[in-house]
Amino acid sequence: MRQALCAGCGKQYETGTREIYAKNDIGEPAEWARVMRGLANTPTPRQRTMTVNGAAFPLPIEHFDCDFCGTALMPGTPIVCVTVWQPERQQEPPIWETDYLEPQP
């Protein structure tokens, strides 16, 4: 799972990479999360095209959208990118967050 969130929706996540759920006795695998914070980049047309049943639908190019609440994420505003994966099923996903944000120190 990967999400770009507004600062409000992302405030619950701690920056960094860590295990968020341990493997349990009933066979559910562990889950890890990578959380990056920064300022929203300017979207590209590729990032703002939604494909539904093979048809491309352009979205507004001036901003991203929060994947939780739908708020417009304007370039230069604080955003949080969250990536969650299960190490038993896949390797840590490649960095995608820098396509959407400029990391803050």
PDB file of N, CA and C in Angstrom:
ATOM      1  N   MET A   1       0.850  -1.161   0.000  1.00  0.00           N
ATOM      2  CA  MET A   1       0.000   0.000   0.000  1.00  0.00           C
ATOM      3  C   MET A   1       0.901   1.231   0.000  1.00  0.00           C
ATOM      4  N   ARG A   2       0.512   2.200  -0.787  1.00  0.00           N
ATOM      5  CA  ARG A   2       1.213   3.474  -0.759  1.00  0.00           C
ATOM      6  C   ARG A   2       0.188   4.588  -0.832  1.00  0.00           C
ATOM      7  N   GLN A   3       0.418   5.620  -0.020  1.00  0.00           N
ATOM      8  CA  GLN A   3      -0.510   6.737   0.054  1.00  0.00           C
ATOM      9  C   GLN A   3       0.247   8.046   0.186  1.00  0.00           C
ATOM     10  N   ALA A   4      -0.303   9.091  -0.440  1.00  0.00           N
ATOM     11  CA  ALA A   4       0.152  10.462  -0.228  1.00  0.00           C
ATOM     12  C   ALA A   4      -0.960  11.142   0.565  1.00  0.00           C
ATOM     13  N   LEU A   5      -0.612  11.665   1.732  1.00  0.00           N
ATOM     14  CA  LEU A   5      -1.614  12.206   2.651  1.00  0.00           C
ATOM     15  C   LEU A   5      -1.338  13.666   2.985  1.00  0.00           C
ATOM     16  N   CYS A   6      -2.406  14.393   3.306  1.00  0.00           N
ATOM     17  CA  CYS A   6      -2.233  15.757   3.822  1.00  0.00           C
ATOM     18  C   CYS A   6      -1.611  15.657   5.216  1.00  0.00           C
ATOM     19  N   ALA A   7      -1.101  16.770   5.716  1.00  0.00           N
ATOM     20  CA  ALA A   7      -0.447  16.767   7.034  1.00  0.00           C
ATOM     21  C   ALA A   7      -1.400  16.303   8.127  1.00  0.00           C
ATOM     22  N   GLY A   8      -2.660  16.681   8.047  1.00  0.00           N
ATOM     23  CA  GLY A   8      -3.628  16.275   9.067  1.00  0.00           C
ATOM     24  C   GLY A   8      -3.862  14.778   9.084  1.00  0.00           C
ATOM     25  N   CYS A   9      -4.081  14.174   7.925  1.00  0.00           N
ATOM     26  CA  CYS A   9      -4.320  12.726   7.859  1.00  0.00           C
ATOM     27  C   CYS A   9      -3.045  11.937   8.153  1.00  0.00           C
ATOM     28  N   GLY A  10      -1.871  12.534   7.888  1.00  0.00           N
ATOM     29  CA  GLY A  10      -0.615  11.833   8.110  1.00  0.00           C
ATOM     30  C   GLY A  10      -0.005  12.030   9.485  1.00  0.00           C
ATOM     31  N   LYS A  11      -0.642  12.861  10.324  1.00  0.00           N
ATOM     32  CA  LYS A  11      -0.029  13.174  11.620  1.00  0.00           C
ATOM     33  C   LYS A  11       0.099  11.965  12.538  1.00  0.00           C
ATOM     34  N   GLN A  12      -0.693  10.932  12.317  1.00  0.00           N
ATOM     35  CA  GLN A  12      -0.644   9.744  13.171  1.00  0.00           C
ATOM     36  C   GLN A  12       0.567   8.855  12.907  1.00  0.00           C
ATOM     37  N   TYR A  13       1.269   9.090  11.787  1.00  0.00           N
ATOM     38  CA  TYR A  13       2.394   8.246  11.406  1.00  0.00           C
ATOM     39  C   TYR A  13       3.713   8.854  11.841  1.00  0.00           C
ATOM     40  N   GLU A  14       4.589   8.007  12.382  1.00  0.00           N
ATOM     41  CA  GLU A  14       5.916   8.434  12.810  1.00  0.00           C
ATOM     42  C   GLU A  14       6.886   8.281  11.644  1.00  0.00           C
ATOM     43  N   THR A  15       7.673   9.309  11.384  1.00  0.00           N
ATOM     44  CA  THR A  15       8.623   9.305  10.278  1.00  0.00           C
ATOM     45  C   THR A  15       9.666   8.210  10.467  1.00  0.00           C
ATOM     46  N   GLY A  16      10.032   7.542   9.371  1.00  0.00           N
ATOM     47  CA  GLY A  16      11.059   6.505   9.405  1.00  0.00           C
ATOM     48  C   GLY A  16      10.530   5.180   8.894  1.00  0.00           C
ATOM     49  N   THR A  17      11.341   4.134   9.029  1.00  0.00           N
ATOM     50  CA  THR A  17      10.979   2.793   8.593  1.00  0.00           C
ATOM     51  C   THR A  17      10.997   1.886   9.817  1.00  0.00           C
ATOM     52  N   ARG A  18       9.902   1.158  10.010  1.00  0.00           N
ATOM     53  CA  ARG A  18       9.807   0.298  11.195  1.00  0.00           C
ATOM     54  C   ARG A  18       8.725  -0.757  11.026  1.00  0.00           C
ATOM     55  N   GLU A  19       8.821  -1.782  11.843  1.00  0.00           N
ATOM     56  CA  GLU A  19       7.764  -2.788  11.900  1.00  0.00           C
ATOM     57  C   GLU A  19       6.558  -2.175  12.598  1.00  0.00           C
ATOM     58  N   ILE A  20       5.377  -2.314  11.997  1.00  0.00           N
ATOM     59  CA  ILE A  20       4.173  -1.759  12.620  1.00  0.00           C
ATOM     60  C   ILE A  20       3.271  -2.853  13.185  1.00  0.00           C
ATOM     61  N   TYR A  21       3.382  -4.068  12.645  1.00  0.00           N
ATOM     62  CA  TYR A  21       2.652  -5.220  13.178  1.00  0.00           C
ATOM     63  C   TYR A  21       3.583  -6.421  13.145  1.00  0.00           C
ATOM     64  N   ALA A  22       3.679  -7.104  14.262  1.00  0.00           N
ATOM     65  CA  ALA A  22       4.508  -8.298  14.323  1.00  0.00           C
ATOM     66  C   ALA A  22       3.728  -9.492  13.774  1.00  0.00           C
ATOM     67  N   LYS A  23       4.457 -10.466  13.261  1.00  0.00           N
ATOM     68  CA  LYS A  23       3.828 -11.708  12.817  1.00  0.00           C
ATOM     69  C   LYS A  23       3.121 -12.319  14.026  1.00  0.00           C
ATOM     70  N   ASN A  24       1.924 -12.870  13.814  1.00  0.00           N
ATOM     71  CA  ASN A  24       1.198 -13.427  14.957  1.00  0.00           C
ATOM     72  C   ASN A  24       1.045 -14.935  14.855  1.00  0.00           C
ATOM     73  N   ASP A  25       0.485 -15.515  15.893  1.00  0.00           N
ATOM     74  CA  ASP A  25       0.357 -16.971  15.988  1.00  0.00           C
ATOM     75  C   ASP A  25      -0.681 -17.563  15.042  1.00  0.00           C
ATOM     76  N   ILE A  26      -1.544 -16.757  14.473  1.00  0.00           N
ATOM     77  CA  ILE A  26      -2.561 -17.299  13.571  1.00  0.00           C
ATOM     78  C   ILE A  26      -2.158 -17.166  12.099  1.00  0.00           C
ATOM     79  N   GLY A  27      -0.898 -16.857  11.863  1.00  0.00           N
ATOM     80  CA  GLY A  27      -0.354 -16.875  10.517  1.00  0.00           C
ATOM     81  C   GLY A  27      -0.364 -15.565   9.757  1.00  0.00           C
ATOM     82  N   GLU A  28      -0.791 -14.484  10.388  1.00  0.00           N
ATOM     83  CA  GLU A  28      -0.743 -13.197   9.701  1.00  0.00           C
ATOM     84  C   GLU A  28       0.688 -12.687   9.708  1.00  0.00           C
ATOM     85  N   PRO A  29       1.194 -12.263   8.540  1.00  0.00           N
ATOM     86  CA  PRO A  29       2.592 -11.836   8.468  1.00  0.00           C
ATOM     87  C   PRO A  29       2.825 -10.467   9.098  1.00  0.00           C
ATOM     88  N   ALA A  30       4.082 -10.208   9.382  1.00  0.00           N
ATOM     89  CA  ALA A  30       4.475  -8.890   9.892  1.00  0.00           C
ATOM     90  C   ALA A  30       4.243  -7.849   8.805  1.00  0.00           C
ATOM     91  N   GLU A  31       4.042  -6.603   9.230  1.00  0.00           N
ATOM     92  CA  GLU A  31       3.934  -5.490   8.294  1.00  0.00           C
ATOM     93  C   GLU A  31       4.924  -4.410   8.701  1.00  0.00           C
ATOM     94  N   TRP A  32       5.540  -3.814   7.706  1.00  0.00           N
ATOM     95  CA  TRP A  32       6.479  -2.724   7.908  1.00  0.00           C
ATOM     96  C   TRP A  32       5.954  -1.485   7.215  1.00  0.00           C
ATOM     97  N   ALA A  33       6.356  -0.333   7.708  1.00  0.00           N
ATOM     98  CA  ALA A  33       5.947   0.939   7.101  1.00  0.00           C
ATOM     99  C   ALA A  33       7.158   1.841   6.929  1.00  0.00           C
ATOM    100  N   ARG A  34       7.137   2.586   5.823  1.00  0.00           N
ATOM    101  CA  ARG A  34       8.119   3.640   5.585  1.00  0.00           C
ATOM    102  C   ARG A  34       7.306   4.930   5.469  1.00  0.00           C
ATOM    103  N   VAL A  35       7.666   5.917   6.282  1.00  0.00           N
ATOM    104  CA  VAL A  35       6.939   7.184   6.302  1.00  0.00           C
ATOM    105  C   VAL A  35       7.919   8.311   6.027  1.00  0.00           C
ATOM    106  N   MET A  36       7.612   9.116   5.007  1.00  0.00           N
ATOM    107  CA  MET A  36       8.435  10.275   4.664  1.00  0.00           C
ATOM    108  C   MET A  36       7.554  11.514   4.684  1.00  0.00           C
ATOM    109  N   ARG A  37       8.114  12.608   5.171  1.00  0.00           N
ATOM    110  CA  ARG A  37       7.421  13.899   5.202  1.00  0.00           C
ATOM    111  C   ARG A  37       8.184  14.881   4.333  1.00  0.00           C
ATOM    112  N   GLY A  38       7.455  15.811   3.777  1.00  0.00           N
ATOM    113  CA  GLY A  38       8.104  16.823   2.963  1.00  0.00           C
ATOM    114  C   GLY A  38       7.089  17.784   2.391  1.00  0.00           C
ATOM    115  N   LEU A  39       7.529  18.534   1.409  1.00  0.00           N
ATOM    116  CA  LEU A  39       6.655  19.487   0.733  1.00  0.00           C
ATOM    117  C   LEU A  39       6.280  18.920  -0.622  1.00  0.00           C
ATOM    118  N   ALA A  40       5.020  19.054  -0.990  1.00  0.00           N
ATOM    119  CA  ALA A  40       4.510  18.492  -2.241  1.00  0.00           C
ATOM    120  C   ALA A  40       5.254  19.070  -3.448  1.00  0.00           C
ATOM    121  N   ASN A  41       5.629  18.185  -4.360  1.00  0.00           N
ATOM    122  CA  ASN A  41       6.207  18.594  -5.635  1.00  0.00           C
ATOM    123  C   ASN A  41       5.095  19.050  -6.576  1.00  0.00           C
ATOM    124  N   THR A  42       5.486  19.566  -7.728  1.00  0.00           N
ATOM    125  CA  THR A  42       4.523  19.908  -8.775  1.00  0.00           C
ATOM    126  C   THR A  42       4.171  18.628  -9.527  1.00  0.00           C
ATOM    127  N   PRO A  43       2.887  18.312  -9.666  1.00  0.00           N
ATOM    128  CA  PRO A  43       2.489  17.081 -10.358  1.00  0.00           C
ATOM    129  C   PRO A  43       2.850  17.093 -11.841  1.00  0.00           C
ATOM    130  N   THR A  44       3.024  15.896 -12.374  1.00  0.00           N
ATOM    131  CA  THR A  44       3.232  15.718 -13.809  1.00  0.00           C
ATOM    132  C   THR A  44       1.949  15.136 -14.405  1.00  0.00           C
ATOM    133  N   PRO A  45       1.748  15.292 -15.709  1.00  0.00           N
ATOM    134  CA  PRO A  45       0.552  14.698 -16.319  1.00  0.00           C
ATOM    135  C   PRO A  45       0.455  13.189 -16.085  1.00  0.00           C
ATOM    136  N   ARG A  46       1.592  12.487 -16.092  1.00  0.00           N
ATOM    137  CA  ARG A  46       1.582  11.037 -15.853  1.00  0.00           C
ATOM    138  C   ARG A  46       1.015  10.712 -14.472  1.00  0.00           C
ATOM    139  N   GLN A  47       1.347  11.531 -13.481  1.00  0.00           N
ATOM    140  CA  GLN A  47       0.868  11.294 -12.117  1.00  0.00           C
ATOM    141  C   GLN A  47      -0.606  11.664 -11.953  1.00  0.00           C
ATOM    142  N   ARG A  48      -1.134  12.438 -12.867  1.00  0.00           N
ATOM    143  CA  ARG A  48      -2.504  12.943 -12.727  1.00  0.00           C
ATOM    144  C   ARG A  48      -3.430  12.391 -13.804  1.00  0.00           C
ATOM    145  N   THR A  49      -3.173  11.162 -14.249  1.00  0.00           N
ATOM    146  CA  THR A  49      -4.050  10.497 -15.200  1.00  0.00           C
ATOM    147  C   THR A  49      -4.556   9.218 -14.559  1.00  0.00           C
ATOM    148  N   MET A  50      -5.858   9.089 -14.466  1.00  0.00           N
ATOM    149  CA  MET A  50      -6.491   7.907 -13.884  1.00  0.00           C
ATOM    150  C   MET A  50      -6.995   7.040 -15.040  1.00  0.00           C
ATOM    151  N   THR A  51      -6.748   5.737 -14.967  1.00  0.00           N
ATOM    152  CA  THR A  51      -7.217   4.820 -15.990  1.00  0.00           C
ATOM    153  C   THR A  51      -8.325   3.948 -15.413  1.00  0.00           C
ATOM    154  N   VAL A  52      -9.471   3.965 -16.064  1.00  0.00           N
ATOM    155  CA  VAL A  52     -10.615   3.160 -15.639  1.00  0.00           C
ATOM    156  C   VAL A  52     -11.081   2.342 -16.838  1.00  0.00           C
ATOM    157  N   ASN A  53     -11.063   1.024 -16.685  1.00  0.00           N
ATOM    158  CA  ASN A  53     -11.470   0.116 -17.769  1.00  0.00           C
ATOM    159  C   ASN A  53     -10.754   0.442 -19.080  1.00  0.00           C
ATOM    160  N   GLY A  54      -9.482   0.769 -18.966  1.00  0.00           N
ATOM    161  CA  GLY A  54      -8.669   1.038 -20.140  1.00  0.00           C
ATOM    162  C   GLY A  54      -8.773   2.445 -20.697  1.00  0.00           C
ATOM    163  N   ALA A  55      -9.675   3.263 -20.154  1.00  0.00           N
ATOM    164  CA  ALA A  55      -9.827   4.640 -20.639  1.00  0.00           C
ATOM    165  C   ALA A  55      -9.098   5.595 -19.703  1.00  0.00           C
ATOM    166  N   ALA A  56      -8.334   6.533 -20.277  1.00  0.00           N
ATOM    167  CA  ALA A  56      -7.574   7.509 -19.491  1.00  0.00           C
ATOM    168  C   ALA A  56      -8.445   8.726 -19.189  1.00  0.00           C
ATOM    169  N   PHE A  57      -8.422   9.150 -17.934  1.00  0.00           N
ATOM    170  CA  PHE A  57      -9.148  10.332 -17.492  1.00  0.00           C
ATOM    171  C   PHE A  57      -8.161  11.282 -16.819  1.00  0.00           C
ATOM    172  N   PRO A  58      -7.921  12.445 -17.419  1.00  0.00           N
ATOM    173  CA  PRO A  58      -6.992  13.397 -16.791  1.00  0.00           C
ATOM    174  C   PRO A  58      -7.619  14.022 -15.545  1.00  0.00           C
ATOM    175  N   LEU A  59      -6.805  14.200 -14.527  1.00  0.00           N
ATOM    176  CA  LEU A  59      -7.208  14.857 -13.289  1.00  0.00           C
ATOM    177  C   LEU A  59      -6.600  16.252 -13.274  1.00  0.00           C
ATOM    178  N   PRO A  60      -7.065  17.143 -12.408  1.00  0.00           N
ATOM    179  CA  PRO A  60      -6.467  18.490 -12.345  1.00  0.00           C
ATOM    180  C   PRO A  60      -4.953  18.398 -12.132  1.00  0.00           C
ATOM    181  N   ILE A  61      -4.201  19.135 -12.915  1.00  0.00           N
ATOM    182  CA  ILE A  61      -2.738  19.050 -12.914  1.00  0.00           C
ATOM    183  C   ILE A  61      -2.101  19.939 -11.854  1.00  0.00           C
ATOM    184  N   GLU A  62      -2.854  20.852 -11.262  1.00  0.00           N
ATOM    185  CA  GLU A  62      -2.237  21.818 -10.347  1.00  0.00           C
ATOM    186  C   GLU A  62      -1.993  21.281  -8.936  1.00  0.00           C
ATOM    187  N   HIS A  63      -2.462  20.073  -8.625  1.00  0.00           N
ATOM    188  CA  HIS A  63      -2.271  19.534  -7.273  1.00  0.00           C
ATOM    189  C   HIS A  63      -2.409  18.023  -7.258  1.00  0.00           C
ATOM    190  N   PHE A  64      -1.918  17.409  -6.165  1.00  0.00           N
ATOM    191  CA  PHE A  64      -2.210  16.013  -5.861  1.00  0.00           C
ATOM    192  C   PHE A  64      -3.441  16.014  -4.966  1.00  0.00           C
ATOM    193  N   ASP A  65      -3.962  14.829  -4.648  1.00  0.00           N
ATOM    194  CA  ASP A  65      -5.091  14.706  -3.726  1.00  0.00           C
ATOM    195  C   ASP A  65      -4.691  13.818  -2.563  1.00  0.00           C
ATOM    196  N   CYS A  66      -5.133  14.171  -1.350  1.00  0.00           N
ATOM    197  CA  CYS A  66      -4.911  13.314  -0.191  1.00  0.00           C
ATOM    198  C   CYS A  66      -5.654  12.005  -0.432  1.00  0.00           C
ATOM    199  N   ASP A  67      -4.958  10.886  -0.274  1.00  0.00           N
ATOM    200  CA  ASP A  67      -5.563   9.579  -0.510  1.00  0.00           C
ATOM    201  C   ASP A  67      -6.549   9.171   0.581  1.00  0.00           C
ATOM    202  N   PHE A  68      -6.643   9.943   1.640  1.00  0.00           N
ATOM    203  CA  PHE A  68      -7.598   9.629   2.698  1.00  0.00           C
ATOM    204  C   PHE A  68      -8.816  10.545   2.646  1.00  0.00           C
ATOM    205  N   CYS A  69      -8.590  11.863   2.682  1.00  0.00           N
ATOM    206  CA  CYS A  69      -9.724  12.794   2.770  1.00  0.00           C
ATOM    207  C   CYS A  69     -10.022  13.536   1.470  1.00  0.00           C
ATOM    208  N   GLY A  70      -9.132  13.451   0.475  1.00  0.00           N
ATOM    209  CA  GLY A  70      -9.359  14.096  -0.809  1.00  0.00           C
ATOM    210  C   GLY A  70      -8.948  15.553  -0.893  1.00  0.00           C
ATOM    211  N   THR A  71      -8.402  16.113   0.182  1.00  0.00           N
ATOM    212  CA  THR A  71      -7.948  17.507   0.168  1.00  0.00           C
ATOM    213  C   THR A  71      -6.900  17.718  -0.921  1.00  0.00           C
ATOM    214  N   ALA A  72      -6.939  18.871  -1.581  1.00  0.00           N
ATOM    215  CA  ALA A  72      -5.927  19.209  -2.594  1.00  0.00           C
ATOM    216  C   ALA A  72      -4.577  19.409  -1.910  1.00  0.00           C
ATOM    217  N   LEU A  73      -3.553  18.751  -2.424  1.00  0.00           N
ATOM    218  CA  LEU A  73      -2.183  18.883  -1.921  1.00  0.00           C
ATOM    219  C   LEU A  73      -1.430  19.759  -2.915  1.00  0.00           C
ATOM    220  N   MET A  74      -1.452  21.052  -2.665  1.00  0.00           N
ATOM    221  CA  MET A  74      -0.839  22.023  -3.572  1.00  0.00           C
ATOM    222  C   MET A  74       0.689  21.958  -3.468  1.00  0.00           C
ATOM    223  N   PRO A  75       1.408  22.220  -4.570  1.00  0.00           N
ATOM    224  CA  PRO A  75       2.867  22.240  -4.510  1.00  0.00           C
ATOM    225  C   PRO A  75       3.353  23.169  -3.397  1.00  0.00           C
ATOM    226  N   GLY A  76       4.325  22.674  -2.635  1.00  0.00           N
ATOM    227  CA  GLY A  76       4.904  23.449  -1.540  1.00  0.00           C
ATOM    228  C   GLY A  76       4.218  23.265  -0.203  1.00  0.00           C
ATOM    229  N   THR A  77       3.088  22.545  -0.163  1.00  0.00           N
ATOM    230  CA  THR A  77       2.414  22.313   1.119  1.00  0.00           C
ATOM    231  C   THR A  77       2.935  21.023   1.743  1.00  0.00           C
ATOM    232  N   PRO A  78       2.912  20.919   3.077  1.00  0.00           N
ATOM    233  CA  PRO A  78       3.391  19.707   3.746  1.00  0.00           C
ATOM    234  C   PRO A  78       2.519  18.492   3.414  1.00  0.00           C
ATOM    235  N   ILE A  79       3.186  17.379   3.085  1.00  0.00           N
ATOM    236  CA  ILE A  79       2.484  16.120   2.864  1.00  0.00           C
ATOM    237  C   ILE A  79       3.256  14.986   3.527  1.00  0.00           C
ATOM    238  N   VAL A  80       2.590  13.857   3.670  1.00  0.00           N
ATOM    239  CA  VAL A  80       3.167  12.658   4.274  1.00  0.00           C
ATOM    240  C   VAL A  80       2.943  11.506   3.299  1.00  0.00           C
ATOM    241  N   CYS A  81       4.006  10.782   2.972  1.00  0.00           N
ATOM    242  CA  CYS A  81       3.883   9.596   2.120  1.00  0.00           C
ATOM    243  C   CYS A  81       4.100   8.359   2.974  1.00  0.00           C
ATOM    244  N   VAL A  82       3.183   7.403   2.857  1.00  0.00           N
ATOM    245  CA  VAL A  82       3.208   6.184   3.664  1.00  0.00           C
ATOM    246  C   VAL A  82       3.254   4.982   2.729  1.00  0.00           C
ATOM    247  N   THR A  83       4.193   4.068   2.988  1.00  0.00           N
ATOM    248  CA  THR A  83       4.313   2.819   2.243  1.00  0.00           C
ATOM    249  C   THR A  83       4.269   1.677   3.249  1.00  0.00           C
ATOM    250  N   VAL A  84       3.397   0.699   3.033  1.00  0.00           N
ATOM    251  CA  VAL A  84       3.280  -0.459   3.927  1.00  0.00           C
ATOM    252  C   VAL A  84       3.466  -1.719   3.094  1.00  0.00           C
ATOM    253  N   TRP A  85       4.246  -2.678   3.611  1.00  0.00           N
ATOM    254  CA  TRP A  85       4.477  -3.936   2.917  1.00  0.00           C
ATOM    255  C   TRP A  85       4.675  -5.055   3.929  1.00  0.00           C
ATOM    256  N   GLN A  86       4.607  -6.284   3.425  1.00  0.00           N
ATOM    257  CA  GLN A  86       4.829  -7.477   4.247  1.00  0.00           C
ATOM    258  C   GLN A  86       6.122  -8.139   3.777  1.00  0.00           C
ATOM    259  N   PRO A  87       7.192  -8.080   4.587  1.00  0.00           N
ATOM    260  CA  PRO A  87       8.495  -8.609   4.155  1.00  0.00           C
ATOM    261  C   PRO A  87       8.460 -10.087   3.764  1.00  0.00           C
ATOM    262  N   GLU A  88       7.542 -10.863   4.330  1.00  0.00           N
ATOM    263  CA  GLU A  88       7.459 -12.276   3.952  1.00  0.00           C
ATOM    264  C   GLU A  88       6.974 -12.458   2.521  1.00  0.00           C
ATOM    265  N   ARG A  89       6.260 -11.469   2.014  1.00  0.00           N
ATOM    266  CA  ARG A  89       5.656 -11.585   0.685  1.00  0.00           C
ATOM    267  C   ARG A  89       6.339 -10.739  -0.375  1.00  0.00           C
ATOM    268  N   GLN A  90       7.069  -9.708   0.045  1.00  0.00           N
ATOM    269  CA  GLN A  90       7.764  -8.857  -0.919  1.00  0.00           C
ATOM    270  C   GLN A  90       8.910  -8.124  -0.242  1.00  0.00           C
ATOM    271  N   GLN A  91       9.875  -7.714  -1.055  1.00  0.00           N
ATOM    272  CA  GLN A  91      10.975  -6.896  -0.549  1.00  0.00           C
ATOM    273  C   GLN A  91      10.459  -5.495  -0.279  1.00  0.00           C
ATOM    274  N   GLU A  92      11.259  -4.719   0.435  1.00  0.00           N
ATOM    275  CA  GLU A  92      10.882  -3.325   0.650  1.00  0.00           C
ATOM    276  C   GLU A  92      10.689  -2.651  -0.706  1.00  0.00           C
ATOM    277  N   PRO A  93       9.549  -1.997  -0.903  1.00  0.00           N
ATOM    278  CA  PRO A  93       9.286  -1.350  -2.197  1.00  0.00           C
ATOM    279  C   PRO A  93      10.306  -0.265  -2.505  1.00  0.00           C
ATOM    280  N   PRO A  94      10.579  -0.040  -3.790  1.00  0.00           N
ATOM    281  CA  PRO A  94      11.494   1.037  -4.158  1.00  0.00           C
ATOM    282  C   PRO A  94      10.941   2.393  -3.725  1.00  0.00           C
ATOM    283  N   ILE A  95      11.840   3.338  -3.572  1.00  0.00           N
ATOM    284  CA  ILE A  95      11.444   4.708  -3.203  1.00  0.00           C
ATOM    285  C   ILE A  95      10.598   5.296  -4.326  1.00  0.00           C
ATOM    286  N   TRP A  96       9.403   5.699  -4.023  1.00  0.00           N
ATOM    287  CA  TRP A  96       8.507   6.396  -4.952  1.00  0.00           C
ATOM    288  C   TRP A  96       8.166   7.787  -4.413  1.00  0.00           C
ATOM    289  N   GLU A  97       8.376   7.953  -3.111  1.00  0.00           N
ATOM    290  CA  GLU A  97       7.922   9.154  -2.418  1.00  0.00           C
ATOM    291  C   GLU A  97       8.513  10.444  -2.978  1.00  0.00           C
ATOM    292  N   THR A  98       9.755  10.385  -3.443  1.00  0.00           N
ATOM    293  CA  THR A  98      10.403  11.606  -3.933  1.00  0.00           C
ATOM    294  C   THR A  98       9.811  12.090  -5.262  1.00  0.00           C
ATOM    295  N   ASP A  99       8.979  11.278  -5.908  1.00  0.00           N
ATOM    296  CA  ASP A  99       8.240  11.752  -7.074  1.00  0.00           C
ATOM    297  C   ASP A  99       7.121  12.705  -6.652  1.00  0.00           C
ATOM    298  N   TYR A 100       6.703  12.592  -5.403  1.00  0.00           N
ATOM    299  CA  TYR A 100       5.574  13.371  -4.905  1.00  0.00           C
ATOM    300  C   TYR A 100       5.956  14.441  -3.892  1.00  0.00           C
ATOM    301  N   LEU A 101       7.100  14.273  -3.238  1.00  0.00           N
ATOM    302  CA  LEU A 101       7.482  15.269  -2.238  1.00  0.00           C
ATOM    303  C   LEU A 101       8.967  15.536  -2.250  1.00  0.00           C
ATOM    304  N   GLU A 102       9.306  16.709  -1.752  1.00  0.00           N
ATOM    305  CA  GLU A 102      10.699  17.090  -1.516  1.00  0.00           C
ATOM    306  C   GLU A 102      10.928  16.831  -0.026  1.00  0.00           C
ATOM    307  N   PRO A 103      11.741  15.805   0.320  1.00  0.00           N
ATOM    308  CA  PRO A 103      11.900  15.448   1.738  1.00  0.00           C
ATOM    309  C   PRO A 103      12.405  16.626   2.579  1.00  0.00           C
ATOM    310  N   GLN A 104      11.922  16.677   3.806  1.00  0.00           N
ATOM    311  CA  GLN A 104      12.373  17.686   4.772  1.00  0.00           C
ATOM    312  C   GLN A 104      13.426  17.042   5.654  1.00  0.00           C
ATOM    313  N   PRO A 105      14.460  17.811   6.014  1.00  0.00           N
ATOM    314  CA  PRO A 105      15.521  17.261   6.875  1.00  0.00           C
ATOM    315  C   PRO A 105      15.023  16.935   8.261  1.00  0.00           C
TER     316      PRO A 105
END
